[in-house]
Protein backbone atom coordinates (compact mmCIF):
# COMPACT_ATOMS: atom_id res chain seq x y z
CA MET A 1 27.12 -86.10 51.21
CA ALA A 2 24.06 -84.15 50.41
CA GLU A 3 26.10 -81.56 48.26
CA ALA A 4 27.84 -84.59 46.30
CA LEU A 5 24.22 -86.01 45.61
CA ARG A 6 23.27 -82.50 44.07
CA HIS A 7 26.65 -82.46 42.10
CA ASN A 8 25.69 -86.07 40.79
CA GLU A 9 22.44 -84.85 40.03
CA MET A 10 23.59 -81.60 38.10
CA LYS A 11 26.04 -83.74 36.03
CA LYS A 12 23.34 -86.10 34.56
CA LYS A 13 21.43 -83.00 33.39
CA LYS A 14 23.06 -81.35 30.54
CA LEU A 15 23.89 -77.62 31.64
CA ARG A 16 23.12 -74.73 29.84
CA SER A 17 25.49 -71.71 29.19
CA GLY A 18 24.95 -68.31 29.69
CA TYR A 19 26.03 -65.12 28.38
CA THR A 20 28.64 -62.51 30.54
CA THR A 21 27.48 -58.89 31.63
CA GLY A 22 30.25 -57.69 28.86
CA ALA A 23 28.13 -59.28 26.13
CA CYS A 24 24.65 -58.23 27.51
CA ALA A 25 26.25 -54.52 27.51
CA ALA A 26 27.48 -54.78 24.23
CA ALA A 27 24.23 -55.83 22.96
CA ALA A 28 22.18 -53.32 24.71
CA ALA A 29 24.51 -50.65 23.32
CA LYS A 30 24.38 -51.61 19.90
CA ALA A 31 20.24 -51.51 20.25
CA ALA A 32 20.55 -47.98 21.86
CA VAL A 33 22.48 -46.87 19.19
CA LEU A 34 19.82 -48.06 16.60
CA LEU A 35 17.23 -46.55 18.37
CA LEU A 36 18.88 -43.19 18.46
CA LEU A 37 20.06 -43.60 14.68
CA SER A 38 16.22 -44.70 13.80
CA MET A 39 14.77 -41.52 15.35
CA ASN A 40 12.89 -39.11 13.43
CA LYS A 41 12.24 -35.23 14.04
CA ARG A 42 9.44 -35.98 16.17
CA ASN A 43 11.49 -38.25 18.45
CA THR A 44 9.46 -41.36 17.46
CA VAL A 45 11.24 -44.77 16.85
CA ARG A 46 10.95 -45.98 13.36
CA ALA A 47 13.47 -49.24 13.86
CA SER A 48 12.96 -52.52 12.12
CA GLY A 49 10.19 -50.99 9.73
CA GLY A 50 8.34 -49.23 12.26
CA SER A 51 8.13 -51.66 15.03
CA PRO A 52 10.48 -51.45 18.23
CA LEU A 53 13.53 -53.53 18.25
CA HIS A 54 12.76 -57.08 19.70
CA ASN A 55 16.32 -58.30 19.45
CA VAL A 56 19.89 -57.51 18.12
CA GLU A 57 22.74 -59.58 17.26
CA ILE A 58 26.04 -59.06 17.72
CA PRO A 59 29.68 -60.40 17.20
CA PHE A 60 31.49 -62.69 19.75
CA PRO A 61 35.54 -62.57 20.07
CA ASP A 62 35.45 -66.29 18.59
CA GLY A 63 33.84 -64.64 15.21
CA SER A 64 30.41 -66.42 16.11
CA ARG A 65 27.30 -64.26 16.35
CA VAL A 66 24.46 -64.26 19.06
CA ARG A 67 21.24 -62.62 18.98
CA PHE A 68 19.98 -60.85 22.16
CA GLN A 69 16.31 -59.91 23.15
CA ILE A 70 15.71 -56.27 24.02
CA GLN A 71 14.33 -55.99 27.64
CA LYS A 72 13.55 -52.48 27.44
CA GLN A 73 13.91 -49.30 24.99
CA LYS A 74 13.35 -45.54 25.29
CA ILE A 75 14.17 -42.13 23.70
CA GLU A 76 15.03 -39.77 25.98
CA THR A 77 15.17 -35.77 25.45
CA ARG A 78 16.91 -33.23 27.97
CA GLY A 79 17.28 -29.73 26.62
CA GLN A 80 18.99 -29.80 23.38
CA ILE A 81 20.25 -33.17 24.38
CA VAL A 82 18.56 -36.68 22.81
CA SER A 83 19.68 -40.01 24.18
CA ALA A 84 18.46 -43.83 23.45
CA LEU A 85 18.46 -46.13 26.08
CA ALA A 86 18.32 -50.08 25.57
CA SER A 87 18.48 -52.90 28.26
CA VAL A 88 19.12 -56.78 28.13
CA ILE A 89 18.64 -59.11 31.25
CA LYS A 90 21.41 -61.26 31.87
CA ASP A 91 20.97 -65.12 31.42
CA ALA A 92 24.02 -66.98 33.40
CA GLY A 93 22.34 -70.31 32.02
CA ASP A 94 22.67 -72.83 34.80
CA ASP A 95 25.79 -71.11 36.51
CA PRO A 96 25.03 -69.77 39.86
CA ASP A 97 26.15 -66.38 39.06
CA VAL A 98 25.08 -63.44 41.53
CA THR A 99 24.50 -61.32 38.22
CA ASN A 100 22.40 -63.63 36.78
CA GLY A 101 18.89 -62.05 35.81
CA ALA A 102 20.41 -58.72 36.31
CA GLU A 103 19.28 -55.69 34.07
CA ILE A 104 22.13 -54.26 31.83
CA VAL A 105 21.50 -50.74 30.53
CA ALA A 106 23.07 -48.72 27.59
CA GLU A 107 22.27 -45.30 27.07
CA ALA A 108 23.83 -43.69 23.49
CA ARG A 109 24.07 -40.21 22.58
CA SER A 110 25.90 -38.39 19.85
CA ILE A 111 28.80 -36.32 20.59
CA SER A 112 31.08 -34.11 18.64
CA ALA A 113 33.96 -36.26 17.38
CA ASP A 114 36.48 -33.54 18.87
CA SER A 115 35.12 -34.40 22.34
CA VAL A 116 36.81 -37.68 22.45
CA GLY A 117 39.82 -36.61 20.66
CA ALA A 118 39.69 -39.18 17.94
CA ARG A 119 39.64 -39.03 13.99
CA HIS A 120 39.09 -42.84 13.11
CA ALA A 121 35.98 -43.98 11.58
CA VAL A 122 33.72 -44.37 14.72
CA PRO A 123 34.91 -42.14 17.78
CA LEU A 124 33.56 -44.03 20.88
CA GLN A 125 33.60 -42.97 24.64
CA ILE A 126 32.37 -45.58 26.97
CA LYS A 127 31.40 -44.66 30.57
CA GLY A 128 30.14 -46.51 33.80
CA GLY A 129 26.79 -45.03 35.21
CA LYS A 130 24.97 -46.26 38.30
CA GLY A 131 25.42 -49.60 39.42
CA VAL A 132 28.97 -50.03 37.38
CA GLY A 133 31.93 -49.98 39.87
CA LYS A 134 34.91 -47.56 39.56
CA VAL A 135 38.53 -48.78 40.08
CA THR A 136 40.29 -47.14 42.82
CA LYS A 137 43.22 -49.69 43.35
CA PRO A 138 45.96 -50.54 40.97
CA GLY A 139 46.97 -53.87 39.75
CA LEU A 140 43.73 -54.29 37.34
CA SER A 141 43.25 -54.65 33.59
CA VAL A 142 41.71 -51.13 33.75
CA PRO A 143 43.21 -48.26 35.06
CA VAL A 144 42.46 -46.20 38.47
CA GLY A 145 39.54 -43.60 38.07
CA GLU A 146 37.84 -45.89 35.01
CA PRO A 147 34.90 -47.39 35.37
CA ALA A 148 35.10 -51.54 35.92
CA ILE A 149 34.50 -52.42 32.24
CA ASN A 150 36.91 -54.89 31.39
CA PRO A 151 39.39 -54.98 27.89
CA VAL A 152 37.37 -57.65 26.33
CA PRO A 153 33.78 -56.13 27.13
CA ARG A 154 34.89 -52.69 25.90
CA THR A 155 35.83 -54.64 22.44
CA MET A 156 32.62 -55.89 22.09
CA ILE A 157 30.90 -52.86 23.04
CA LYS A 158 32.87 -50.92 20.21
CA GLU A 159 32.16 -53.84 17.69
CA ALA A 160 28.68 -53.74 18.23
CA VAL A 161 28.39 -50.36 18.06
CA ARG A 162 30.52 -50.17 14.82
CA GLU A 163 28.24 -52.58 13.44
CA ALA A 164 24.91 -50.29 14.19
CA LEU A 165 26.68 -47.22 12.83
CA HIS A 166 27.23 -48.99 9.51
CA SER A 167 23.90 -50.30 9.31
CA CYS A 168 22.90 -46.42 9.17
CA ARG A 169 22.12 -45.38 5.42
CA GLY A 170 24.00 -42.25 4.60
CA MET A 171 27.30 -40.69 5.65
CA ALA A 172 25.81 -38.14 8.08
CA CYS A 173 24.94 -40.64 10.63
CA ARG A 174 28.28 -42.11 10.72
CA ALA A 175 30.09 -38.65 10.86
CA HIS A 176 29.50 -38.34 14.70
CA ALA A 177 31.09 -39.87 17.57
CA MET A 178 29.04 -41.68 20.17
CA GLU A 179 29.16 -41.68 24.03
CA ILE A 180 27.82 -45.00 25.45
CA THR A 181 27.14 -45.29 29.27
CA ILE A 182 26.61 -48.51 30.81
CA SER A 183 24.73 -48.88 34.03
CA VAL A 184 23.31 -51.69 35.93
CA PRO A 185 20.31 -50.26 38.25
CA LYS A 186 20.66 -52.91 41.02
CA GLY A 187 24.75 -53.00 40.86
CA GLU A 188 25.55 -51.59 43.97
CA GLU A 189 23.31 -54.29 45.69
CA LEU A 190 24.71 -57.14 43.61
CA ALA A 191 28.39 -55.76 44.20
CA LYS A 192 27.97 -56.39 48.04
CA LYS A 193 27.88 -60.23 47.11
CA THR A 194 31.12 -60.26 45.30
CA LEU A 195 34.88 -59.50 46.40
CA ASN A 196 34.71 -55.89 44.38
CA HIS A 197 35.32 -53.86 47.40
CA ARG A 198 38.79 -56.15 48.07
CA LEU A 199 39.75 -55.43 44.72
CA GLY A 200 39.11 -51.63 45.27
CA ILE A 201 36.36 -51.77 42.85
CA VAL A 202 33.65 -49.44 44.39
CA GLY A 203 29.95 -48.36 43.43
CA GLY A 204 28.78 -51.27 41.58
CA ILE A 205 29.53 -54.44 39.90
CA SER A 206 32.31 -54.96 37.21
CA ILE A 207 31.52 -55.75 33.43
CA LEU A 208 33.27 -59.02 32.65
CA GLY A 209 33.81 -61.54 30.44
CA THR A 210 36.58 -62.86 28.03
CA THR A 211 34.63 -64.99 25.71
CA GLY A 212 31.06 -63.58 26.14
CA ILE A 213 30.05 -66.96 27.22
CA VAL A 214 29.44 -68.21 30.66
CA LYS A 215 29.93 -71.62 31.09
CA PRO A 216 27.82 -73.50 34.00
CA ILE A 217 29.74 -74.42 37.21
CA SER A 218 32.92 -73.06 35.34
CA THR A 219 35.99 -72.17 37.69
CA GLU A 220 36.85 -69.16 35.31
CA ALA A 221 35.24 -66.54 37.73
CA TRP A 222 37.14 -68.04 40.71
CA THR A 223 40.19 -67.96 39.10
CA MET A 224 40.13 -64.73 37.60
CA THR A 225 39.09 -63.30 40.80
CA ILE A 226 42.20 -65.20 42.62
CA THR A 227 44.56 -63.51 39.69
CA SER A 228 43.04 -59.97 40.12
CA SER A 229 43.31 -60.15 43.89
CA MET A 230 46.74 -61.25 43.89
CA ASP A 231 47.42 -58.51 41.23
CA VAL A 232 46.13 -55.83 43.22
CA ALA A 233 48.27 -57.11 46.08
CA ARG A 234 51.49 -56.85 44.04
CA ALA A 235 50.38 -53.19 43.07
CA MET A 236 50.00 -52.16 46.59
CA GLY A 237 53.45 -53.47 47.46
CA ARG A 238 52.34 -56.32 49.52
CA LYS A 239 54.89 -59.07 49.84
CA GLU A 240 53.11 -61.47 51.79
CA VAL A 241 49.71 -63.32 50.54
CA VAL A 242 47.25 -65.41 52.64
CA LEU A 243 45.13 -67.71 50.87
CA CYS A 244 41.83 -68.64 52.56
CA ALA A 245 39.40 -71.57 52.05
CA GLY A 246 36.62 -69.38 53.26
CA ARG A 247 35.37 -66.24 54.59
CA ALA A 248 35.50 -67.84 58.32
CA SER A 249 39.28 -68.65 57.96
CA GLU A 250 39.98 -65.46 56.30
CA LYS A 251 37.83 -63.33 59.09
CA SER A 252 39.57 -65.19 61.86
CA HIS A 253 42.98 -64.72 60.19
CA MET A 254 42.54 -61.00 59.90
CA LYS A 255 41.51 -60.83 63.47
CA GLU A 256 44.81 -62.35 64.91
CA TYR A 257 47.25 -61.31 62.56
CA GLN A 258 46.04 -58.23 61.01
CA LEU A 259 47.63 -58.05 57.77
CA PRO A 260 46.45 -55.55 55.24
CA GLU A 261 43.41 -56.47 53.56
CA GLU A 262 44.64 -56.63 50.11
CA SER A 263 46.89 -59.33 51.45
CA TYR A 264 44.20 -61.54 51.67
CA THR A 265 42.72 -64.05 48.71
CA LEU A 266 39.74 -66.22 48.74
CA MET A 267 40.87 -69.32 47.07
CA GLY A 268 38.02 -71.32 47.99
CA ASP A 269 38.70 -74.71 46.56
CA HIS A 270 41.36 -73.61 44.03
CA LEU A 271 44.22 -74.72 46.07
CA GLU A 272 46.96 -75.59 43.67
CA TYR A 273 45.97 -72.81 41.23
CA SER A 274 46.33 -70.44 43.95
CA LEU A 275 49.49 -71.76 45.30
CA ARG A 276 50.95 -71.44 41.74
CA GLU A 277 49.66 -67.94 41.14
CA ALA A 278 51.14 -66.90 44.40
CA ARG A 279 54.74 -68.47 43.36
CA LYS A 280 54.29 -66.84 39.90
CA LYS A 281 53.59 -63.40 41.38
CA GLY A 282 56.68 -63.39 43.53
CA PHE A 283 55.45 -63.31 47.03
CA GLU A 284 57.88 -63.87 49.59
CA LYS A 285 55.95 -65.43 51.89
CA ILE A 286 52.64 -67.58 51.29
CA HIS A 287 50.14 -68.04 54.36
CA LEU A 288 47.43 -70.87 54.08
CA ALA A 289 44.18 -70.61 56.38
CA ALA A 290 41.64 -73.49 56.48
CA GLN A 291 39.32 -75.30 58.91
CA TRP A 292 39.85 -78.92 59.64
CA ALA A 293 37.88 -80.65 56.88
CA LYS A 294 39.67 -78.74 54.16
CA MET A 295 42.70 -78.80 55.93
CA VAL A 296 42.95 -82.67 56.18
CA LYS A 297 42.24 -82.84 52.37
CA ILE A 298 45.05 -80.26 51.85
CA ALA A 299 47.26 -82.68 54.13
CA MET A 300 46.22 -85.71 52.23
CA ALA A 301 47.61 -84.13 48.81
CA THR A 302 44.44 -83.08 47.49
CA PRO A 303 45.14 -80.20 44.65
CA GLN A 304 41.34 -79.27 44.43
CA THR A 305 39.23 -79.63 47.44
CA HIS A 306 35.50 -79.30 46.41
CA VAL A 307 33.19 -82.05 46.90
CA LYS A 308 32.55 -82.60 42.99
CA PHE A 309 36.38 -84.04 42.98
CA GLY A 310 35.20 -86.40 45.61
CA ALA A 311 34.05 -86.29 49.41
CA LEU A 312 36.53 -86.73 52.04
CA ASP A 313 36.61 -90.33 52.66
CA THR A 314 36.57 -90.62 56.25
CA LYS A 315 38.44 -94.32 56.53
CA LYS A 316 41.14 -93.23 54.67
CA ALA A 317 41.35 -89.84 56.47
CA VAL A 318 41.55 -91.92 59.77
CA ALA A 319 44.52 -94.25 57.95
CA PHE A 320 46.14 -91.12 57.07
CA LEU A 321 45.95 -89.51 60.48
CA ASN A 322 47.38 -92.74 62.02
CA SER A 323 50.19 -92.62 59.79
CA LEU A 324 50.86 -89.36 61.11
CA GLY A 325 51.32 -91.03 64.23
CA LEU A 326 47.87 -90.18 65.80
CA LYS A 327 45.87 -92.88 67.77
CA VAL A 328 42.30 -92.57 65.83
CA PRO A 329 40.69 -95.92 65.68
CA GLN A 330 39.93 -97.36 62.69
CA GLU A 331 37.28 -99.58 63.82
CA GLN A 332 35.10 -96.52 64.78
CA SER A 333 32.61 -95.27 62.08
CA PHE A 334 32.96 -91.66 61.46
CA ASN A 335 30.44 -90.07 59.00
CA THR A 336 32.18 -86.63 58.60
CA ALA A 337 35.53 -85.07 58.96
CA ARG A 338 34.03 -82.89 61.80
CA GLU A 339 33.49 -86.16 63.81
CA ILE A 340 37.03 -87.20 63.55
CA PHE A 341 37.79 -83.61 64.50
CA ASP A 342 35.64 -83.93 67.68
CA TYR A 343 37.14 -87.16 68.43
CA ILE A 344 40.52 -86.03 68.50
CA CYS A 345 39.82 -82.75 70.38
CA ALA A 346 37.98 -84.87 73.23
CA GLU A 347 40.00 -87.66 73.39
CA ASP A 348 42.67 -86.24 75.89
CA ASN A 349 41.46 -84.13 78.45
CA THR A 350 44.75 -82.49 78.96
CA GLY A 351 44.50 -81.27 75.13
CA ALA A 352 48.39 -82.88 74.68
CA ASN A 353 47.40 -85.56 71.99
CA SER A 354 44.56 -82.96 70.21
CA LEU A 355 47.27 -80.35 69.93
CA SER A 356 49.80 -82.84 68.35
CA ALA A 357 47.21 -84.31 65.97
CA LEU A 358 46.17 -80.66 64.61
CA HIS A 359 49.84 -79.64 64.44
CA ALA A 360 50.99 -82.79 62.77
CA VAL A 361 48.15 -81.84 60.14
CA CYS A 362 49.18 -78.55 59.37
CA LYS A 363 52.69 -79.70 58.84
CA ALA A 364 51.35 -82.15 56.43
CA ALA A 365 49.64 -79.60 54.54
CA LYS A 366 52.56 -77.39 54.62
CA ASN A 367 55.00 -80.29 52.97
CA TYR A 368 52.23 -80.57 50.14
CA ALA A 369 51.69 -76.96 49.39
CA GLN A 370 55.56 -76.59 49.52
CA GLU A 371 55.52 -79.25 46.73
CA ILE A 372 53.41 -77.36 44.37
CA THR A 373 55.19 -73.90 45.11
CA ALA A 374 58.76 -76.12 44.37
CA GLY A 375 59.97 -75.09 47.80
CA GLN A 376 58.81 -71.51 48.47
CA PRO A 377 58.03 -71.35 52.06
CA VAL A 378 54.50 -71.70 53.04
CA ILE A 379 52.74 -71.41 56.38
CA THR A 380 49.49 -73.03 57.10
CA TYR A 381 47.14 -72.43 59.96
CA LEU A 382 44.10 -74.43 61.31
CA ILE A 383 41.01 -72.71 62.12
CA SER A 384 38.34 -73.55 64.33
CA TYR A 385 35.18 -74.06 63.88
CA GLU A 386 34.45 -71.10 66.37
CA GLY A 387 36.86 -68.58 64.72
CA LYS A 388 40.27 -68.97 66.34
CA VAL A 389 43.82 -70.13 65.12
CA LEU A 390 44.15 -73.33 66.72
CA SER A 391 47.55 -74.41 65.01
CA ARG A 392 50.29 -73.30 62.67
CA SER A 393 52.98 -75.02 60.86
CA GLU A 394 55.62 -72.82 62.34
């Protein structure tokens, strides 16, 4: 109930969009290149008419342009190598993104065009530094061994750098190739709050984004992760996928059945999307694990189980359970799904009625899931609040 009220309050307020890590990396890269090109023989910065860079403007995939504030900037000299660094603080708007407030840093240095084996107008090498993960498993849009900087962010970085180079007067400054290294100082720590380890991305976060814009409370991040997780599983040769409503369900299923880690996908509340993706990816067997409240919602044919799409109506839930042949008093007031669960489990000391009830709910959830998968077999697992598998549909 409290979660639903918070959501209603958020709907009344106009939510603010933010920017992806990819967009921030592109802005930082452009600023770093501008700093490098504006350096005189004494290694001092004379950008923007003699003042430090305060902001830069970069192009977005949709043709729009956005201006970013530069957080930090400096020139570094290491022996004969001179580089420039610039950073941008990610603003995710009102989206609850773990990378909100993270510092995205870009380092730029000139290199010989021959070193990147390119002959086009702006040869560019993009590297991952500290806090940017490295891809170790197949199936993602970035090859194994490469830094986890996705294709659209790479394109945005290239376009931003190209603009910086073309803003430089004279052909001499355009003749050099550029090496851009993206880093995130707290990336390793932030990555622990993501599913990167499951995807085989180690050592930091991913530089992501398909539009450059983060929409508040959007489903894009979830669905992208669901799809990527399944792509990795298929690339690793997995023929079964386990869709889990939460980490508790996932952990319980792992402990009981010990399938390979890559087989598990955290679907959260995106039931219908996950089932359709699993079918589309061609998995031979689909498992679905959830605790009672989510499993009842699934059994009641709810395609999206988040509370923002409607809290569970306990009266309707009781009527539904009775339609399955269970005996739950409709005159009794239940505040939550958990109270209904506790009643069912305590109703019969022998446990016969409760086991029958749990199996009936699992079976109903299975039937609805298989409607979404067009008949492709789904096995459902009901997980207890103590972390045990209470029942399965078969």
